[in-house]
Amino acid sequence: MFDILYTVGAFLVAISLLVAIHEFGHFWVARRLGVKILRFSIGFGKPLWKKNFGGDKTEFVVASLPLGGYVKMLDGREGDVPEAEAHRAFDQQSLRTRFAIVFAGPAFNFIFAIFAYWMMFVIGVQGVAPVVGEVKEGTPAAQAGLAPGQKILMIDDRDTPIWDVALEALLPAMVDRGSVKMTLANENGQTFTTELNLSQTVQELEPGKLFEILGFTPWREELKSVVGRVVEDSAAAKAGLQEKDRILRIDDKVVNNWMDMVKIVSAKPDQDLLLRIERDGHEMDVPVHTMSAEQDGRTVGKLGIGPYVSDVERVLYRYGVFAAMGNAWDKCWSNAWLTLKMLGKIITGEVSVKNLSGPLNIAVYAGYSANAGLARFLDFLAIVSISLGILNLLPVPVLDGGHLMFYLVEAVKGSPVSEQTEIIAQQIGIAALVLLMSLALYNDFVRLLN
């Protein structure tokens, strides 16, 4: 229950923040260009909180449905405008001013993404070094000479200290079915360069199948039955288990690895067990009474311990304050371009529509990233902010991009698009958005069920 509440909370924080930044872009530029703001709302529906500020008595609102927001400006198309304030109405502004105000929302999403990436790089991201695991025969990885235990040092002259960076460098080649140059180091430290050619791959590019396309998996050390963490007031803590204790047997069953231990303990909820452990080179017996917990609709046994994981291959990926600025800009630009490319290939059918995500999937990742620390949550916020900026720039009526498209038509023909044309276009735009959201929600439900 707590996990669900935490996920929902992280999602609401993320969406509310990104919507507020987007709408603040419209608000800030409109104010600077002399347009009167009547209301600034985060969310739709019934107001939970509202207050008037400033000389214009602008109403600031937090509403009950946080999946969006809006800035309401003085506009003659939406009601009578006093003659004395006609010059401050949005519809009376020049084409250049209207264009700047509408464009500011998506622009602020990109600016925030750069800031979030900068903070992430300064704080540092804890990750795992990109070491190759199992390599399947006949795959691009096997043809490139990759083998278990090799460490990926560079991809196309870009350093790859952790898996996140390595996958980010590999993804464009997977999308384009292209090739990349890889520099790797063998277990003995010798380095070599090879080409990973993905031009002949036929697998669908969809979530969870990236390594299937590449032909290898990340290296994972088999978790030994060694205690890495003891939860306070747990069964293990009461029994006196300590960090680095190795569990050799449980009752009369031999324990070879962590999964053996989990399997045995899970089948023994609320029962007495006798653990044979090794501590500082000496073996000893430790009696323990397991706890009970609900998991996937059944009652399982728990000790309240976590596995011991070596920190040898964990890396803190970070930059200095000034170096982080350039890297934040590059990361924002590359992710924006990759998002656009993926969207284009989804439209043309080259990439599976299963890559579309809706609010449920975003909520799940919000919870995961928030739980993983501030740097990971900033990374999540940045990529969602980029996606929000790109989505709003699409030339779909009812979105910012649709208004910008009408302004470009107005610039060419010398007069605004007719009201009737706008109404028809907006109806088409709404239908397209409903279809897109329905598909994204369907993908979300399929992922959750799987």
Foldseek 3Di string as FASTA:
>chain_A
DVLVVLLVVLLLVLLQVLQLLLQVQLVVLLVVVQAAWAEWEQADDAFPDWFFDDPSRHIYTYHDGRNHIHIDTAAVVVHDDPPVCPCNHLVNDDLVSNLSSLLRSLVSLLVLLLVLLLVLQAVWDKAFFFFWADFDPPALCVVQPDDGGKTWQDKQNHGGLHPVVVCLSCVVCQLVQAKIKTWIAHNVGDIDITMRGRVPFDDFDAPPCPCVSSRTDGDDDFFAQFFQFADPPFQQVVQPDDGRKHWQDKAPHGGGHNVSVQVVQFVQAQAKIWTWIADPNDTDITITGWHWDDDPRDITTDRRTDTRDDCPRMDTRHDHSVVSSVVSSVVSVSLLVVVVSQVVCCVVVNHPLLRAAASLVLSVCSSVQVVSDSSSNSNSSSSVSSVVSVVLLPCQQVGSVVVSVQSVVCVVVVHGDDPVVSVVRNVVSVVVVVVSNVSNVVSSVVVVVD
